[in-house]
């Protein structure tokens, strides 16, 4: 089995966050903080997927590219 790229793994994780957001948003009584957590996570993972496909390295703590390479 071929190894999946980091970008593909991050996009899969972003898609899971969006699905979680959709399910939780439809759940009666679910708090906004719980629901709202997953939307920005999906955006962040999507941005990191783009960076991982375009930049050789980036810090795990930020989406800013590490330009030292």
N, C-alpha and C. Protein backbone atom coordinates (compact mmCIF):
# COMPACT_ATOMS: atom_id res chain seq x y z
N UNK A 1 0.84 -1.18 0.00
CA UNK A 1 0.00 0.00 0.00
C UNK A 1 0.89 1.25 0.00
N UNK A 2 0.58 2.18 -0.85
CA UNK A 2 1.38 3.39 -0.97
C UNK A 2 1.18 4.28 0.25
N UNK A 3 2.26 4.93 0.67
CA UNK A 3 2.18 5.84 1.80
C UNK A 3 1.44 7.10 1.38
N UNK A 4 0.54 7.57 2.23
CA UNK A 4 -0.23 8.78 1.93
C UNK A 4 0.58 10.00 2.32
N UNK A 5 0.40 11.05 1.57
CA UNK A 5 1.12 12.29 1.86
C UNK A 5 0.55 12.95 3.11
N UNK A 6 1.37 13.79 3.71
CA UNK A 6 0.92 14.55 4.88
C UNK A 6 -0.28 15.41 4.51
N UNK A 7 -0.25 16.01 3.33
CA UNK A 7 -1.36 16.85 2.90
C UNK A 7 -2.66 16.06 2.82
N UNK A 8 -2.60 14.86 2.29
CA UNK A 8 -3.81 14.03 2.19
C UNK A 8 -4.33 13.64 3.58
N UNK A 9 -3.43 13.32 4.48
CA UNK A 9 -3.83 12.97 5.84
C UNK A 9 -4.47 14.16 6.55
N UNK A 10 -3.89 15.35 6.35
CA UNK A 10 -4.45 16.55 6.96
C UNK A 10 -5.82 16.89 6.38
N UNK A 11 -5.98 16.71 5.08
CA UNK A 11 -7.29 16.98 4.47
C UNK A 11 -8.34 15.99 4.96
N UNK A 12 -7.96 14.74 5.16
CA UNK A 12 -8.89 13.76 5.73
C UNK A 12 -9.31 14.16 7.14
N UNK A 13 -8.34 14.62 7.93
CA UNK A 13 -8.63 15.05 9.29
C UNK A 13 -9.55 16.28 9.28
N UNK A 14 -9.31 17.20 8.34
CA UNK A 14 -10.16 18.39 8.21
C UNK A 14 -11.59 17.99 7.85
N UNK A 15 -11.71 17.02 6.96
CA UNK A 15 -13.05 16.54 6.57
C UNK A 15 -13.77 15.91 7.77
N UNK A 16 -13.05 15.19 8.59
CA UNK A 16 -13.65 14.60 9.79
C UNK A 16 -14.12 15.69 10.74
N UNK A 17 -13.33 16.74 10.89
CA UNK A 17 -13.75 17.86 11.75
C UNK A 17 -15.01 18.52 11.20
N UNK A 18 -15.10 18.67 9.91
CA UNK A 18 -16.30 19.28 9.32
C UNK A 18 -17.52 18.37 9.51
N UNK A 19 -17.33 17.07 9.38
CA UNK A 19 -18.45 16.15 9.64
C UNK A 19 -18.87 16.23 11.10
N UNK A 20 -17.91 16.27 12.01
CA UNK A 20 -18.22 16.39 13.44
C UNK A 20 -18.99 17.69 13.70
N UNK A 21 -18.53 18.77 13.09
CA UNK A 21 -19.22 20.05 13.23
C UNK A 21 -20.68 19.93 12.79
N UNK A 22 -20.89 19.32 11.63
CA UNK A 22 -22.25 19.17 11.10
C UNK A 22 -23.15 18.35 12.00
N UNK A 23 -22.62 17.26 12.52
CA UNK A 23 -23.41 16.40 13.41
C UNK A 23 -23.70 17.12 14.72
N UNK A 24 -22.68 17.71 15.30
CA UNK A 24 -22.85 18.38 16.58
C UNK A 24 -23.76 19.60 16.48
N UNK A 25 -23.70 20.30 15.36
CA UNK A 25 -24.55 21.48 15.17
C UNK A 25 -26.03 21.09 15.15
N UNK A 26 -26.33 19.87 14.74
CA UNK A 26 -27.72 19.40 14.67
C UNK A 26 -28.18 18.72 15.95
N UNK A 27 -27.27 18.58 16.91
CA UNK A 27 -27.59 17.89 18.16
C UNK A 27 -28.19 18.87 19.16
N UNK A 28 -29.42 18.60 19.57
CA UNK A 28 -30.10 19.48 20.53
C UNK A 28 -29.33 19.51 21.85
N UNK A 29 -29.18 20.69 22.38
CA UNK A 29 -28.54 20.85 23.67
C UNK A 29 -27.02 20.87 23.64
N UNK A 30 -26.43 20.74 22.47
CA UNK A 30 -24.97 20.75 22.37
C UNK A 30 -24.49 22.19 22.49
N UNK A 31 -23.53 22.43 23.35
CA UNK A 31 -23.03 23.78 23.60
C UNK A 31 -22.29 24.36 22.40
N UNK A 32 -22.36 25.67 22.26
CA UNK A 32 -21.68 26.36 21.16
C UNK A 32 -20.17 26.12 21.17
N UNK A 33 -19.58 26.06 22.36
CA UNK A 33 -18.13 25.87 22.45
C UNK A 33 -17.71 24.52 21.88
N UNK A 34 -18.52 23.51 22.12
CA UNK A 34 -18.22 22.17 21.61
C UNK A 34 -18.38 22.14 20.09
N UNK A 35 -19.49 22.69 19.63
CA UNK A 35 -19.75 22.72 18.19
C UNK A 35 -18.72 23.58 17.48
N UNK A 36 -18.48 24.76 18.02
CA UNK A 36 -17.59 25.72 17.38
C UNK A 36 -16.13 25.32 17.36
N UNK A 37 -15.74 24.37 18.16
CA UNK A 37 -14.35 23.92 18.18
C UNK A 37 -13.93 23.33 16.84
N UNK A 38 -14.81 22.58 16.20
CA UNK A 38 -14.43 21.80 15.04
C UNK A 38 -14.30 22.61 13.75
N UNK A 39 -15.03 23.68 13.59
CA UNK A 39 -14.94 24.48 12.36
C UNK A 39 -13.56 25.10 12.19
N UNK A 40 -13.01 25.80 13.19
CA UNK A 40 -11.67 26.36 13.00
C UNK A 40 -10.60 25.28 12.91
N UNK A 41 -10.83 24.14 13.55
CA UNK A 41 -9.88 23.04 13.42
C UNK A 41 -9.81 22.56 11.97
N UNK A 42 -10.96 22.49 11.33
CA UNK A 42 -11.00 22.07 9.92
C UNK A 42 -10.26 23.06 9.04
N UNK A 43 -10.46 24.34 9.30
CA UNK A 43 -9.77 25.38 8.52
C UNK A 43 -8.26 25.28 8.74
N UNK A 44 -7.84 25.16 10.00
CA UNK A 44 -6.41 25.08 10.30
C UNK A 44 -5.77 23.87 9.63
N UNK A 45 -6.41 22.72 9.69
CA UNK A 45 -5.85 21.52 9.07
C UNK A 45 -5.80 21.65 7.55
N UNK A 46 -6.79 22.30 6.98
CA UNK A 46 -6.79 22.53 5.53
C UNK A 46 -5.63 23.44 5.12
N UNK A 47 -5.41 24.50 5.89
CA UNK A 47 -4.29 25.40 5.60
C UNK A 47 -2.95 24.67 5.76
N UNK A 48 -2.83 23.86 6.78
CA UNK A 48 -1.60 23.09 6.97
C UNK A 48 -1.39 22.09 5.83
N UNK A 49 -2.48 21.56 5.29
CA UNK A 49 -2.37 20.65 4.15
C UNK A 49 -1.77 21.37 2.94
N UNK A 50 -2.25 22.60 2.70
CA UNK A 50 -1.70 23.40 1.60
C UNK A 50 -0.23 23.68 1.85
N UNK A 51 0.10 24.10 3.06
CA UNK A 51 1.49 24.39 3.38
C UNK A 51 2.37 23.15 3.23
N UNK A 52 1.90 22.02 3.68
CA UNK A 52 2.73 20.81 3.59
C UNK A 52 2.95 20.39 2.15
N UNK A 53 2.01 20.73 1.28
CA UNK A 53 2.17 20.41 -0.12
C UNK A 53 3.09 21.41 -0.84
N UNK A 54 3.18 22.63 -0.30
CA UNK A 54 3.92 23.70 -0.97
C UNK A 54 5.25 24.06 -0.33
N UNK A 55 5.39 23.80 0.98
CA UNK A 55 6.57 24.20 1.73
C UNK A 55 7.17 22.94 2.35
N UNK A 56 8.49 22.87 2.36
CA UNK A 56 9.12 21.65 2.84
C UNK A 56 8.97 21.45 4.34
N UNK A 57 8.92 22.55 5.12
CA UNK A 57 8.78 22.42 6.56
C UNK A 57 7.91 23.53 7.11
N UNK A 58 7.15 23.21 8.14
CA UNK A 58 6.46 24.23 8.90
C UNK A 58 6.37 23.78 10.34
N UNK A 59 6.28 24.73 11.23
CA UNK A 59 6.25 24.44 12.66
C UNK A 59 4.94 23.76 13.01
N UNK A 60 4.98 22.80 13.90
CA UNK A 60 3.76 22.12 14.35
C UNK A 60 2.88 23.04 15.17
N UNK A 61 3.44 24.14 15.69
CA UNK A 61 2.67 25.05 16.54
C UNK A 61 2.07 26.22 15.78
N UNK A 62 2.33 26.34 14.52
CA UNK A 62 1.81 27.47 13.74
C UNK A 62 1.67 27.05 12.29
N UNK A 63 0.87 27.79 11.54
CA UNK A 63 0.72 27.51 10.12
C UNK A 63 1.67 28.34 9.28
N UNK A 64 2.54 29.13 9.95
CA UNK A 64 3.53 29.93 9.22
C UNK A 64 4.65 29.04 8.70
N UNK A 65 5.03 29.21 7.45
CA UNK A 65 6.11 28.37 6.93
C UNK A 65 7.43 28.66 7.62
N UNK A 66 8.23 27.63 7.77
CA UNK A 66 9.57 27.78 8.32
C UNK A 66 10.49 28.02 7.14
N UNK A 67 10.93 29.22 6.99
CA UNK A 67 11.71 29.62 5.81
C UNK A 67 13.20 29.33 5.95
N UNK A 68 13.58 28.60 6.98
CA UNK A 68 15.00 28.33 7.18
C UNK A 68 15.52 27.20 6.31
N UNK A 69 14.63 26.53 5.56
CA UNK A 69 15.08 25.43 4.72
C UNK A 69 15.41 25.88 3.33
